[in-house]
Structures are given as C-alpha cells and as structure tokens.
C-alpha cells in the first residue's frame, strides 16, 4: 500500500472525501504523489528554454524563462485526479494563471481549442474555454516547494477539473486552433476531453 500512504489514515480520509463529493467515481485517495510518465525526464537549461504561443493569434509570442517567471504569480489549491484511478486532494500550486498569459496575445475569433506543447514533441488538446477557467495555471511550485523534474518541473500546466494527463508536464507553449487536434494520449486511445466526474478515461467512454 506504499502507493497510497498509511492505510488507516487513507481510508478515513477517503471516506470523508467521498461523503463531501470530492472523489470522482472509480478513484482512490492517495496521501503520496505517485510518479507516472512516458519517456525520459528532460534536462532543463534556463538559457535555452522558451515558451511559445502561436496559431490563431494576431501575433505570435515568445518568452524566455526569466520573462515567464517575471509574470504575476498566483497560488491556488485544487484536487488532482489521475486517469490511473488515484486522486490527491488539496494540492497547493503557485504559478502564472493561463488567463494572465493570454493577456500577452490577441486571439483571433476563430480560436476555440489549444494544442498544449511540451518537451520531446508531446501534446495535449484542450478546449480554450476550459483553459480560461480561473484556476488553470502554469505551476512552478507544489505545496511550497519548487516543482521537481519528475513531476514536470520546472513548469507544468494544471487543469484541475480534467484528468491529470491534461495537466501537461514540462510545458513549453500552446497553439490556438479553430478545431480540436488530438494530442499524444488522445491519439493513443484516451478520451478527447477527460472529465473525471464522467469517467471519460478512454475513447468511447
């Protein structure tokens, strides 16, 4: 049971979370933070890192690491639901709200979806309206500490209301689109949207 933490504490907290309606169907509570990934962990080089916004915008935007870190930072608390059936509650994230990043560009009226870009060509598709929710952010910190590389550091996207594969690790930008373009996991059988409350784990569910 090392994956989920102390059995007695976990069961009591899980029962409470279910009673409060905080645990989606098919999920188990964990007190730890399991590491799941596809591929290797990228090596971060601040001098070479950049963040790019392109697609359905009037003018593309590129930010260096220092420029991105200089943006206004916000802290949120949210739950985290993995498609592999575990949930971790009350995570504290600190970073830059997606809505603040969007202030740097002028999206065209056709922009309805985003293809979120990460290291090694990884992508995930998310409707733009979902990204514009007030608690979606690019996180540098988790529970008061810098985000570790194995958990997506130096920066990952956090989209609390969707399964965690949409909270893209090692994020490097996004492309605004007029259509929904499936990302890596979505092309490989995962659901195009990923609502944990509807158990949208896989295509067809």
N, C-alpha and C. Protein backbone atom coordinates (compact mmCIF):
# COMPACT_ATOMS: atom_id res chain seq x y z
N UNK A 1 0.81 -1.22 0.00
CA UNK A 1 0.00 0.00 0.00
C UNK A 1 0.85 1.27 0.00
N UNK A 2 2.15 1.16 -0.28
CA UNK A 2 3.02 2.32 -0.25
C UNK A 2 2.57 3.40 -1.22
N UNK A 3 1.93 2.99 -2.30
CA UNK A 3 1.48 3.96 -3.30
C UNK A 3 0.50 4.96 -2.72
N UNK A 4 -0.33 4.53 -1.78
CA UNK A 4 -1.42 5.37 -1.31
C UNK A 4 -1.20 5.95 0.08
N UNK A 5 -0.14 5.56 0.80
CA UNK A 5 0.11 6.08 2.12
C UNK A 5 -0.42 5.16 3.20
N UNK A 6 -0.39 5.63 4.46
CA UNK A 6 -0.84 4.84 5.60
C UNK A 6 -2.29 4.40 5.39
N UNK A 7 -2.53 3.09 5.52
CA UNK A 7 -3.83 2.52 5.18
C UNK A 7 -4.96 3.08 6.03
N UNK A 8 -4.74 3.17 7.36
CA UNK A 8 -5.79 3.66 8.24
C UNK A 8 -6.15 5.10 7.97
N UNK A 9 -5.14 5.97 7.89
CA UNK A 9 -5.39 7.38 7.60
C UNK A 9 -6.06 7.54 6.24
N UNK A 10 -5.56 6.81 5.27
CA UNK A 10 -6.08 6.96 3.91
C UNK A 10 -7.55 6.58 3.83
N UNK A 11 -7.91 5.48 4.45
CA UNK A 11 -9.30 5.03 4.38
C UNK A 11 -10.25 6.03 5.04
N UNK A 12 -9.83 6.57 6.17
CA UNK A 12 -10.67 7.56 6.84
C UNK A 12 -10.85 8.82 6.01
N UNK A 13 -9.75 9.29 5.44
CA UNK A 13 -9.83 10.49 4.61
C UNK A 13 -10.58 10.24 3.32
N UNK A 14 -10.43 9.03 2.78
CA UNK A 14 -11.15 8.69 1.55
C UNK A 14 -12.66 8.67 1.80
N UNK A 15 -13.06 8.10 2.92
CA UNK A 15 -14.48 8.07 3.27
C UNK A 15 -15.03 9.49 3.40
N UNK A 16 -14.26 10.36 4.04
CA UNK A 16 -14.67 11.75 4.21
C UNK A 16 -14.77 12.46 2.86
N UNK A 17 -13.78 12.22 1.98
CA UNK A 17 -13.78 12.85 0.66
C UNK A 17 -14.98 12.42 -0.17
N UNK A 18 -15.32 11.14 -0.08
CA UNK A 18 -16.50 10.65 -0.81
C UNK A 18 -17.77 11.29 -0.28
N UNK A 19 -17.87 11.40 1.05
CA UNK A 19 -19.06 12.00 1.65
C UNK A 19 -19.21 13.46 1.25
N UNK A 20 -18.09 14.13 1.05
CA UNK A 20 -18.11 15.55 0.66
C UNK A 20 -18.25 15.73 -0.85
N UNK A 21 -18.28 14.64 -1.59
CA UNK A 21 -18.41 14.72 -3.04
C UNK A 21 -17.17 15.20 -3.75
N UNK A 22 -16.00 14.92 -3.18
CA UNK A 22 -14.75 15.39 -3.77
C UNK A 22 -13.99 14.32 -4.54
N UNK A 23 -14.43 13.08 -4.44
CA UNK A 23 -13.72 11.99 -5.09
C UNK A 23 -14.54 11.48 -6.28
N UNK A 24 -14.05 11.64 -7.49
CA UNK A 24 -14.80 11.19 -8.67
C UNK A 24 -15.00 9.67 -8.66
N UNK A 25 -15.97 9.17 -9.40
CA UNK A 25 -16.22 7.72 -9.45
C UNK A 25 -15.00 6.96 -9.94
N UNK A 26 -14.76 5.81 -9.28
CA UNK A 26 -13.65 4.95 -9.69
C UNK A 26 -12.29 5.37 -9.18
N UNK A 27 -12.23 6.43 -8.36
CA UNK A 27 -10.96 6.93 -7.85
C UNK A 27 -10.71 6.48 -6.42
N UNK A 28 -9.42 6.29 -6.06
CA UNK A 28 -8.98 6.04 -4.70
C UNK A 28 -8.10 7.18 -4.24
N UNK A 29 -8.19 7.52 -2.98
CA UNK A 29 -7.39 8.61 -2.42
C UNK A 29 -5.97 8.14 -2.16
N UNK A 30 -5.00 9.00 -2.49
CA UNK A 30 -3.62 8.75 -2.10
C UNK A 30 -3.11 9.91 -1.25
N UNK A 31 -2.26 9.59 -0.28
CA UNK A 31 -1.61 10.63 0.53
C UNK A 31 -0.23 10.95 -0.01
N UNK A 32 0.21 10.15 -0.97
CA UNK A 32 1.51 10.39 -1.61
C UNK A 32 1.27 11.09 -2.94
N UNK A 33 2.32 11.15 -3.76
CA UNK A 33 2.19 11.72 -5.10
C UNK A 33 2.94 10.82 -6.07
N UNK A 34 2.26 9.79 -6.58
CA UNK A 34 2.92 8.84 -7.48
C UNK A 34 3.49 9.52 -8.72
N UNK A 35 4.56 8.93 -9.25
CA UNK A 35 5.21 9.46 -10.45
C UNK A 35 4.88 8.54 -11.62
N UNK A 36 4.23 9.10 -12.62
CA UNK A 36 3.93 8.37 -13.85
C UNK A 36 4.37 9.23 -15.02
N UNK A 37 5.02 8.62 -15.99
CA UNK A 37 5.45 9.40 -17.16
C UNK A 37 5.67 8.48 -18.35
N UNK A 38 5.71 9.08 -19.51
CA UNK A 38 6.06 8.38 -20.74
C UNK A 38 7.36 8.99 -21.25
N UNK A 39 8.40 8.18 -21.43
CA UNK A 39 9.67 8.69 -21.91
C UNK A 39 10.57 9.16 -20.79
N UNK A 40 11.65 9.84 -21.16
CA UNK A 40 12.67 10.28 -20.21
C UNK A 40 12.32 11.64 -19.63
N UNK A 41 13.02 12.00 -18.55
CA UNK A 41 12.84 13.31 -17.93
C UNK A 41 13.75 14.31 -18.64
N UNK A 42 13.21 15.38 -19.21
CA UNK A 42 14.04 16.34 -19.93
C UNK A 42 15.01 17.07 -18.99
N UNK A 43 16.13 17.47 -19.54
CA UNK A 43 17.11 18.27 -18.80
C UNK A 43 16.79 19.75 -19.02
N UNK A 44 16.62 20.47 -17.94
CA UNK A 44 16.25 21.88 -18.02
C UNK A 44 17.48 22.76 -18.16
N UNK A 45 17.48 23.65 -19.15
CA UNK A 45 18.53 24.64 -19.35
C UNK A 45 17.84 25.99 -19.49
N UNK A 46 17.93 26.82 -18.46
CA UNK A 46 17.22 28.09 -18.45
C UNK A 46 17.62 28.99 -19.61
N UNK A 47 18.88 28.88 -20.05
CA UNK A 47 19.36 29.74 -21.13
C UNK A 47 18.74 29.37 -22.48
N UNK A 48 18.33 28.11 -22.62
CA UNK A 48 17.77 27.65 -23.90
C UNK A 48 16.24 27.52 -23.86
N UNK A 49 15.68 27.52 -22.68
CA UNK A 49 14.23 27.32 -22.53
C UNK A 49 13.47 28.51 -23.08
N UNK A 50 12.37 28.25 -23.77
CA UNK A 50 11.46 29.32 -24.15
C UNK A 50 10.03 28.80 -24.15
N UNK A 51 9.10 29.72 -24.21
CA UNK A 51 7.67 29.42 -24.20
C UNK A 51 7.06 30.14 -25.38
N UNK A 52 6.37 29.39 -26.25
CA UNK A 52 5.87 29.98 -27.48
C UNK A 52 4.35 29.85 -27.60
N UNK A 53 3.72 30.93 -28.01
CA UNK A 53 2.28 30.97 -28.28
C UNK A 53 2.09 31.30 -29.75
N UNK A 54 1.34 30.47 -30.45
CA UNK A 54 1.18 30.68 -31.89
C UNK A 54 -0.21 30.21 -32.32
N UNK A 55 -0.42 30.17 -33.62
CA UNK A 55 -1.70 29.72 -34.16
C UNK A 55 -2.65 30.87 -34.39
N UNK A 56 -3.88 30.74 -33.89
CA UNK A 56 -4.92 31.74 -34.12
C UNK A 56 -4.76 32.93 -33.18
N UNK A 57 -3.63 33.63 -33.34
CA UNK A 57 -3.36 34.87 -32.61
C UNK A 57 -2.90 35.92 -33.62
N UNK A 58 -3.13 37.18 -33.30
CA UNK A 58 -2.75 38.24 -34.23
C UNK A 58 -1.24 38.30 -34.43
N UNK A 59 -0.50 38.00 -33.35
CA UNK A 59 0.96 38.00 -33.44
C UNK A 59 1.51 36.95 -32.48
N UNK A 60 2.34 36.02 -32.97
CA UNK A 60 2.92 35.00 -32.08
C UNK A 60 3.76 35.65 -30.98
N UNK A 61 3.91 34.92 -29.88
CA UNK A 61 4.66 35.44 -28.73
C UNK A 61 5.67 34.41 -28.26
N UNK A 62 6.86 34.88 -27.93
CA UNK A 62 7.90 34.02 -27.38
C UNK A 62 8.42 34.64 -26.09
N UNK A 63 8.51 33.81 -25.03
CA UNK A 63 9.02 34.27 -23.75
C UNK A 63 10.22 33.43 -23.33
N UNK A 64 11.23 34.08 -22.77
CA UNK A 64 12.34 33.35 -22.16
C UNK A 64 11.91 32.88 -20.77
N UNK A 65 12.76 32.06 -20.15
CA UNK A 65 12.46 31.60 -18.80
C UNK A 65 12.34 32.77 -17.83
N UNK A 66 13.27 33.71 -17.88
CA UNK A 66 13.21 34.85 -16.97
C UNK A 66 11.99 35.71 -17.22
N UNK A 67 11.61 35.87 -18.47
CA UNK A 67 10.42 36.66 -18.79
C UNK A 67 9.16 35.99 -18.27
N UNK A 68 9.09 34.68 -18.40
CA UNK A 68 7.90 33.98 -17.90
C UNK A 68 7.84 34.05 -16.38
N UNK A 69 8.97 33.86 -15.73
CA UNK A 69 8.99 33.89 -14.26
C UNK A 69 8.67 35.28 -13.72
N UNK A 70 8.85 36.31 -14.54
CA UNK A 70 8.58 37.68 -14.10
C UNK A 70 7.10 38.04 -14.16
N UNK A 71 6.28 37.17 -14.77
CA UNK A 71 4.85 37.43 -14.83
C UNK A 71 4.21 37.31 -13.44
N UNK A 72 3.08 37.96 -13.27
CA UNK A 72 2.37 37.92 -11.98
C UNK A 72 2.07 36.49 -11.58
N UNK A 73 2.38 36.15 -10.32
CA UNK A 73 2.18 34.78 -9.85
C UNK A 73 1.00 34.71 -8.88
N UNK A 74 0.32 33.57 -8.93
CA UNK A 74 -0.88 33.33 -8.15
C UNK A 74 -0.77 31.95 -7.50
N UNK A 75 -1.37 31.78 -6.34
CA UNK A 75 -1.42 30.47 -5.69
C UNK A 75 -2.86 29.97 -5.65
N UNK A 76 -3.05 28.71 -6.02
CA UNK A 76 -4.37 28.09 -5.95
C UNK A 76 -4.25 26.78 -5.16
N UNK A 77 -5.38 26.29 -4.69
CA UNK A 77 -5.45 24.96 -4.08
C UNK A 77 -6.49 24.16 -4.84
N UNK A 78 -6.11 22.96 -5.27
CA UNK A 78 -7.04 22.16 -6.07
C UNK A 78 -6.75 20.68 -5.89
N UNK A 79 -7.71 19.86 -6.26
CA UNK A 79 -7.55 18.41 -6.24
C UNK A 79 -6.98 17.94 -7.57
N UNK A 80 -6.39 16.75 -7.55
CA UNK A 80 -5.62 16.23 -8.69
C UNK A 80 -6.07 14.79 -8.93
N UNK A 81 -6.64 14.52 -10.10
CA UNK A 81 -7.24 13.22 -10.39
C UNK A 81 -6.52 12.55 -11.56
N UNK A 82 -5.83 11.46 -11.28
CA UNK A 82 -5.10 10.73 -12.32
C UNK A 82 -6.02 9.71 -12.99
N UNK A 83 -5.86 9.55 -14.29
CA UNK A 83 -6.67 8.59 -15.04
C UNK A 83 -6.43 7.15 -14.58
N UNK A 84 -5.29 6.90 -13.92
CA UNK A 84 -4.98 5.56 -13.41
C UNK A 84 -5.64 5.28 -12.07
N UNK A 85 -6.64 6.09 -11.71
CA UNK A 85 -7.58 5.83 -10.62
C UNK A 85 -7.12 6.25 -9.23
N UNK A 86 -6.20 7.19 -9.14
CA UNK A 86 -5.90 7.76 -7.83
C UNK A 86 -6.12 9.28 -7.86
N UNK A 87 -6.43 9.81 -6.69
CA UNK A 87 -6.64 11.25 -6.53
C UNK A 87 -5.86 11.75 -5.33
N UNK A 88 -5.34 12.95 -5.44
CA UNK A 88 -4.64 13.61 -4.34
C UNK A 88 -5.33 14.95 -4.10
N UNK A 89 -5.75 15.19 -2.87
CA UNK A 89 -6.55 16.37 -2.56
C UNK A 89 -5.72 17.53 -2.03
N UNK A 90 -6.26 18.72 -2.17
CA UNK A 90 -5.72 19.94 -1.56
C UNK A 90 -4.26 20.21 -1.92
N UNK A 91 -3.95 20.10 -3.19
CA UNK A 91 -2.61 20.47 -3.67
C UNK A 91 -2.51 21.99 -3.78
N UNK A 92 -1.42 22.54 -3.28
CA UNK A 92 -1.18 23.98 -3.41
C UNK A 92 -0.21 24.21 -4.57
N UNK A 93 -0.66 24.97 -5.54
CA UNK A 93 0.15 25.27 -6.72
C UNK A 93 0.43 26.77 -6.78
N UNK A 94 1.64 27.12 -7.18
CA UNK A 94 1.97 28.53 -7.40
C UNK A 94 2.54 28.69 -8.79
N UNK A 95 2.02 29.68 -9.50
CA UNK A 95 2.50 29.90 -10.86
C UNK A 95 1.74 31.04 -11.52
N UNK A 96 1.65 30.96 -12.83
CA UNK A 96 1.04 32.03 -13.63
C UNK A 96 -0.28 31.53 -14.20
N UNK A 97 -1.35 32.25 -13.94
CA UNK A 97 -2.65 31.87 -14.47
C UNK A 97 -2.65 31.87 -16.00
N UNK A 98 -3.35 30.91 -16.57
CA UNK A 98 -3.48 30.87 -18.03
C UNK A 98 -4.10 32.17 -18.54
N UNK A 99 -5.07 32.69 -17.81
CA UNK A 99 -5.71 33.94 -18.24
C UNK A 99 -4.73 35.10 -18.28
N UNK A 100 -3.74 35.11 -17.40
CA UNK A 100 -2.72 36.16 -17.43
C UNK A 100 -1.80 36.00 -18.63
N UNK A 101 -1.47 34.76 -18.97
CA UNK A 101 -0.64 34.53 -20.16
C UNK A 101 -1.39 34.97 -21.41
N UNK A 102 -2.69 34.72 -21.46
CA UNK A 102 -3.48 35.10 -22.63
C UNK A 102 -3.55 36.61 -22.83
N UNK A 103 -3.28 37.38 -21.79
CA UNK A 103 -3.26 38.83 -21.93
C UNK A 103 -2.09 39.31 -22.78
N UNK A 104 -1.12 38.43 -23.01
CA UNK A 104 0.06 38.79 -23.79
C UNK A 104 -0.17 38.70 -25.28
N UNK A 105 -1.28 38.07 -25.69
CA UNK A 105 -1.58 37.91 -27.11
C UNK A 105 -3.02 38.33 -27.38
N UNK A 106 -3.32 38.53 -28.66
CA UNK A 106 -4.69 38.84 -29.06
C UNK A 106 -5.21 37.67 -29.89
N UNK A 107 -6.05 36.81 -29.28
CA UNK A 107 -6.55 35.66 -30.04
C UNK A 107 -7.54 36.10 -31.12
N UNK A 108 -7.52 35.40 -32.22
CA UNK A 108 -8.50 35.65 -33.27
C UNK A 108 -9.83 35.02 -32.88
N UNK A 109 -10.94 35.52 -33.44
CA UNK A 109 -12.26 34.96 -33.11
C UNK A 109 -12.37 33.47 -33.38
N UNK A 110 -11.58 32.95 -34.31
CA UNK A 110 -11.65 31.53 -34.66
C UNK A 110 -11.05 30.62 -33.60
N UNK A 111 -10.28 31.18 -32.66
CA UNK A 111 -9.59 30.36 -31.65
C UNK A 111 -10.59 29.72 -30.69
N UNK A 112 -10.71 28.41 -30.74
CA UNK A 112 -11.64 27.67 -29.90
C UNK A 112 -10.96 26.54 -29.11
N UNK A 113 -9.80 26.11 -29.55
CA UNK A 113 -9.09 25.00 -28.93
C UNK A 113 -7.62 25.34 -28.79
N UNK A 114 -6.94 24.59 -27.94
CA UNK A 114 -5.49 24.73 -27.80
C UNK A 114 -4.83 23.37 -27.91
N UNK A 115 -3.71 23.35 -28.58
CA UNK A 115 -2.81 22.20 -28.55
C UNK A 115 -1.66 22.60 -27.64
N UNK A 116 -1.62 22.01 -26.45
CA UNK A 116 -0.59 22.36 -25.47
C UNK A 116 0.68 21.59 -25.81
N UNK A 117 1.80 22.30 -25.85
CA UNK A 117 3.07 21.73 -26.29
C UNK A 117 4.01 21.50 -25.11
N UNK A 118 4.73 20.39 -25.16
CA UNK A 118 5.70 20.07 -24.11
C UNK A 118 6.98 19.55 -24.73
N UNK A 119 7.94 19.20 -23.88
CA UNK A 119 9.21 18.66 -24.35
C UNK A 119 8.99 17.39 -25.17
N UNK A 120 9.94 17.14 -26.06
CA UNK A 120 10.00 15.91 -26.86
C UNK A 120 8.77 15.71 -27.74
N UNK A 121 8.13 16.81 -28.12
CA UNK A 121 7.02 16.73 -29.05
C UNK A 121 5.69 16.31 -28.46
N UNK A 122 5.60 16.18 -27.15
CA UNK A 122 4.35 15.78 -26.51
C UNK A 122 3.32 16.90 -26.65
N UNK A 123 2.06 16.52 -26.88
CA UNK A 123 0.97 17.49 -26.98
C UNK A 123 -0.27 16.97 -26.26
N UNK A 124 -1.16 17.88 -25.91
CA UNK A 124 -2.48 17.54 -25.37
C UNK A 124 -3.48 18.56 -25.88
N UNK A 125 -4.67 18.12 -26.21
CA UNK A 125 -5.70 19.03 -26.73
C UNK A 125 -6.71 19.39 -25.64
N UNK A 126 -7.01 20.68 -25.53
CA UNK A 126 -7.92 21.19 -24.51
C UNK A 126 -8.73 22.34 -25.10
N UNK A 127 -10.05 22.35 -24.91
CA UNK A 127 -10.84 23.50 -25.37
C UNK A 127 -10.37 24.79 -24.70
N UNK A 128 -10.34 25.86 -25.46
CA UNK A 128 -9.86 27.13 -24.92
C UNK A 128 -10.70 27.59 -23.74
N UNK A 129 -12.00 27.40 -23.80
CA UNK A 129 -12.86 27.82 -22.68
C UNK A 129 -12.46 27.13 -21.37
N UNK A 130 -12.01 25.88 -21.46
CA UNK A 130 -11.56 25.17 -20.26
C UNK A 130 -10.29 25.78 -19.70
N UNK A 131 -9.39 26.17 -20.57
CA UNK A 131 -8.14 26.77 -20.12
C UNK A 131 -8.35 28.16 -19.52
N UNK A 132 -9.43 28.81 -19.90
CA UNK A 132 -9.71 30.15 -19.40
C UNK A 132 -10.43 30.15 -18.06
N UNK A 133 -10.64 28.98 -17.48
CA UNK A 133 -11.23 28.94 -16.13
C UNK A 133 -10.26 29.59 -15.13
N UNK A 134 -10.78 30.15 -14.04
CA UNK A 134 -9.95 30.96 -13.15
C UNK A 134 -8.91 30.21 -12.33
N UNK A 135 -8.94 28.87 -12.31
CA UNK A 135 -7.95 28.13 -11.52
C UNK A 135 -7.00 27.30 -12.38
N UNK A 136 -6.89 27.61 -13.65
CA UNK A 136 -5.94 26.93 -14.54
C UNK A 136 -4.66 27.75 -14.58
N UNK A 137 -3.53 27.13 -14.30
CA UNK A 137 -2.29 27.89 -14.28
C UNK A 137 -1.08 27.05 -14.69
N UNK A 138 -0.01 27.76 -15.00
CA UNK A 138 1.29 27.15 -15.26
C UNK A 138 2.06 27.19 -13.94
N UNK A 139 2.30 26.02 -13.35
CA UNK A 139 2.82 25.94 -11.99
C UNK A 139 4.33 25.77 -11.95
N UNK A 140 4.97 26.55 -11.06
CA UNK A 140 6.39 26.40 -10.74
C UNK A 140 6.59 25.67 -9.42
N UNK A 141 5.60 25.78 -8.53
CA UNK A 141 5.74 25.23 -7.18
C UNK A 141 4.56 24.34 -6.84
N UNK A 142 4.84 23.35 -5.98
CA UNK A 142 3.80 22.46 -5.46
C UNK A 142 3.99 22.31 -3.96
N UNK A 143 2.96 22.62 -3.21
CA UNK A 143 2.99 22.53 -1.74
C UNK A 143 4.19 23.26 -1.15
N UNK A 144 4.48 24.44 -1.69
CA UNK A 144 5.50 25.31 -1.12
C UNK A 144 6.92 25.04 -1.55
N UNK A 145 7.13 24.10 -2.45
CA UNK A 145 8.48 23.76 -2.91
C UNK A 145 8.54 23.81 -4.43
N UNK A 146 9.72 24.10 -5.00
CA UNK A 146 9.84 24.09 -6.46
C UNK A 146 9.40 22.75 -7.03
N UNK A 147 8.71 22.79 -8.14
CA UNK A 147 8.23 21.58 -8.79
C UNK A 147 9.42 20.76 -9.27
N UNK A 148 9.50 19.50 -8.84
CA UNK A 148 10.63 18.65 -9.21
C UNK A 148 10.51 18.21 -10.67
N UNK A 149 11.65 17.84 -11.24
CA UNK A 149 11.67 17.43 -12.65
C UNK A 149 10.78 16.22 -12.89
N UNK A 150 10.76 15.27 -11.96
CA UNK A 150 9.96 14.06 -12.18
C UNK A 150 8.46 14.35 -12.17
N UNK A 151 8.08 15.45 -11.57
CA UNK A 151 6.67 15.85 -11.55
C UNK A 151 6.36 16.95 -12.56
N UNK A 152 7.28 17.17 -13.50
CA UNK A 152 7.01 18.12 -14.57
C UNK A 152 7.76 19.42 -14.49
N UNK A 153 8.63 19.59 -13.46
CA UNK A 153 9.39 20.82 -13.33
C UNK A 153 10.38 21.00 -14.47
N UNK A 154 10.67 22.24 -14.78
CA UNK A 154 10.46 23.43 -13.95
C UNK A 154 9.04 24.00 -13.97
N UNK A 155 8.21 23.55 -14.94
CA UNK A 155 6.86 24.12 -15.02
C UNK A 155 5.92 23.14 -15.71
N UNK A 156 4.73 23.02 -15.14
CA UNK A 156 3.70 22.19 -15.77
C UNK A 156 2.38 22.94 -15.76
N UNK A 157 1.53 22.58 -16.68
CA UNK A 157 0.18 23.13 -16.71
C UNK A 157 -0.68 22.39 -15.69
N UNK A 158 -1.56 23.10 -15.02
CA UNK A 158 -2.50 22.48 -14.09
C UNK A 158 -3.92 22.83 -14.52
N UNK A 159 -4.68 21.79 -14.86
CA UNK A 159 -6.09 21.93 -15.26
C UNK A 159 -6.89 21.06 -14.29
N UNK A 160 -7.28 21.59 -13.14
CA UNK A 160 -7.81 20.76 -12.05
C UNK A 160 -9.06 19.95 -12.38
N UNK A 161 -9.90 20.45 -13.27
CA UNK A 161 -11.19 19.79 -13.50
C UNK A 161 -11.13 18.66 -14.52
N UNK A 162 -9.96 18.41 -15.10
CA UNK A 162 -9.80 17.31 -16.05
C UNK A 162 -8.81 16.29 -15.49
N UNK A 163 -8.82 15.07 -16.06
CA UNK A 163 -7.83 14.07 -15.66
C UNK A 163 -6.43 14.64 -15.84
N UNK A 164 -5.50 14.15 -15.03
CA UNK A 164 -4.20 14.79 -14.89
C UNK A 164 -3.30 14.69 -16.12
N UNK A 165 -3.61 13.82 -17.09
CA UNK A 165 -2.75 13.84 -18.28
C UNK A 165 -2.92 15.15 -19.06
N UNK A 166 -4.03 15.85 -18.81
CA UNK A 166 -4.21 17.17 -19.43
C UNK A 166 -3.38 18.24 -18.72
N UNK A 167 -2.93 17.96 -17.49
CA UNK A 167 -2.05 18.88 -16.76
C UNK A 167 -0.61 18.60 -17.19
N UNK A 168 -0.29 19.09 -18.36
CA UNK A 168 0.90 18.69 -19.11
C UNK A 168 2.19 19.02 -18.37
N UNK A 169 3.05 18.02 -18.24
CA UNK A 169 4.38 18.22 -17.66
C UNK A 169 5.31 18.88 -18.68
N UNK A 170 6.34 19.57 -18.17
CA UNK A 170 7.42 20.14 -19.00
C UNK A 170 6.86 20.97 -20.14
N UNK A 171 5.86 21.77 -19.83
CA UNK A 171 5.13 22.53 -20.85
C UNK A 171 6.01 23.62 -21.45
N UNK A 172 5.86 23.82 -22.76
CA UNK A 172 6.69 24.79 -23.48
C UNK A 172 5.89 25.76 -24.36
N UNK A 173 4.56 25.69 -24.28
CA UNK A 173 3.77 26.62 -25.07
C UNK A 173 2.44 26.04 -25.48
N UNK A 174 1.76 26.75 -26.34
CA UNK A 174 0.50 26.23 -26.89
C UNK A 174 0.20 26.90 -28.22
N UNK A 175 -0.58 26.19 -29.03
CA UNK A 175 -1.04 26.67 -30.32
C UNK A 175 -2.55 26.81 -30.25
N UNK A 176 -3.07 27.97 -30.54
CA UNK A 176 -4.52 28.16 -30.59
C UNK A 176 -5.04 27.75 -31.96
N UNK A 177 -6.15 27.00 -31.96
CA UNK A 177 -6.67 26.40 -33.18
C UNK A 177 -8.16 26.67 -33.33
N UNK A 178 -8.64 26.53 -34.57
CA UNK A 178 -10.07 26.65 -34.82
C UNK A 178 -10.76 25.29 -34.81
N UNK A 179 -10.01 24.24 -34.49
CA UNK A 179 -10.54 22.87 -34.45
C UNK A 179 -9.82 22.09 -33.35
N UNK A 180 -10.39 20.98 -32.97
CA UNK A 180 -9.80 20.14 -31.92
C UNK A 180 -8.81 19.16 -32.55
N UNK A 181 -7.53 19.30 -32.23
CA UNK A 181 -6.48 18.44 -32.77
C UNK A 181 -5.98 17.52 -31.67
N UNK A 182 -6.23 16.23 -31.81
CA UNK A 182 -5.90 15.28 -30.76
C UNK A 182 -4.42 15.32 -30.40
N UNK A 183 -4.14 15.17 -29.09
CA UNK A 183 -2.78 15.13 -28.60
C UNK A 183 -2.23 13.71 -28.55
N UNK A 184 -1.10 13.55 -27.87
CA UNK A 184 -0.40 12.26 -27.85
C UNK A 184 -1.26 11.15 -27.27
N UNK A 185 -1.73 11.31 -26.03
CA UNK A 185 -2.52 10.24 -25.41
C UNK A 185 -3.88 10.10 -26.05
N UNK A 186 -4.42 11.19 -26.52
CA UNK A 186 -5.73 11.14 -27.18
C UNK A 186 -5.66 10.34 -28.49
N UNK A 187 -4.55 10.44 -29.19
CA UNK A 187 -4.37 9.64 -30.41
C UNK A 187 -4.14 8.18 -30.09
N UNK A 188 -3.77 7.91 -28.85
CA UNK A 188 -3.46 6.53 -28.44
C UNK A 188 -4.53 5.94 -27.54
N UNK A 189 -5.76 6.38 -27.70
CA UNK A 189 -6.88 5.72 -27.05
C UNK A 189 -7.50 6.42 -25.87
N UNK A 190 -6.90 7.52 -25.39
CA UNK A 190 -7.51 8.24 -24.29
C UNK A 190 -8.63 9.14 -24.80
N UNK A 191 -9.51 9.51 -23.89
CA UNK A 191 -10.66 10.35 -24.24
C UNK A 191 -10.20 11.73 -24.71
N UNK A 192 -10.93 12.31 -25.65
CA UNK A 192 -10.54 13.61 -26.18
C UNK A 192 -10.67 14.72 -25.14
N UNK A 193 -11.60 14.56 -24.18
CA UNK A 193 -11.83 15.61 -23.18
C UNK A 193 -11.28 15.25 -21.81
N UNK A 194 -11.74 14.15 -21.21
CA UNK A 194 -11.16 13.69 -19.95
C UNK A 194 -11.77 14.24 -18.68
N UNK A 195 -13.09 14.21 -18.59
CA UNK A 195 -13.78 14.66 -17.37
C UNK A 195 -13.80 13.52 -16.35
N UNK A 196 -13.13 13.68 -15.19
CA UNK A 196 -13.10 12.59 -14.21
C UNK A 196 -14.46 12.28 -13.60
N UNK A 197 -15.36 13.25 -13.56
CA UNK A 197 -16.68 13.03 -12.97
C UNK A 197 -17.59 12.23 -13.88
N UNK A 198 -17.23 12.15 -15.15
CA UNK A 198 -17.96 11.31 -16.11
C UNK A 198 -17.16 10.07 -16.48
N UNK A 199 -16.02 9.85 -15.81
CA UNK A 199 -15.10 8.74 -16.09
C UNK A 199 -14.76 8.66 -17.58
N UNK A 200 -14.42 9.80 -18.14
CA UNK A 200 -14.01 9.85 -19.54
C UNK A 200 -12.52 9.51 -19.64
N UNK A 201 -12.21 8.25 -19.36
CA UNK A 201 -10.82 7.80 -19.37
C UNK A 201 -10.33 7.50 -20.79
N UNK A 202 -11.15 6.77 -21.52
CA UNK A 202 -10.70 6.28 -22.82
C UNK A 202 -11.69 6.64 -23.91
N UNK A 203 -11.23 6.63 -25.13
CA UNK A 203 -12.08 6.93 -26.27
C UNK A 203 -13.30 6.02 -26.28
N UNK A 204 -14.48 6.62 -26.42
CA UNK A 204 -15.70 5.84 -26.43
C UNK A 204 -16.39 5.75 -25.09
N UNK A 205 -15.70 6.19 -24.01
CA UNK A 205 -16.30 6.11 -22.67
C UNK A 205 -17.16 7.34 -22.40
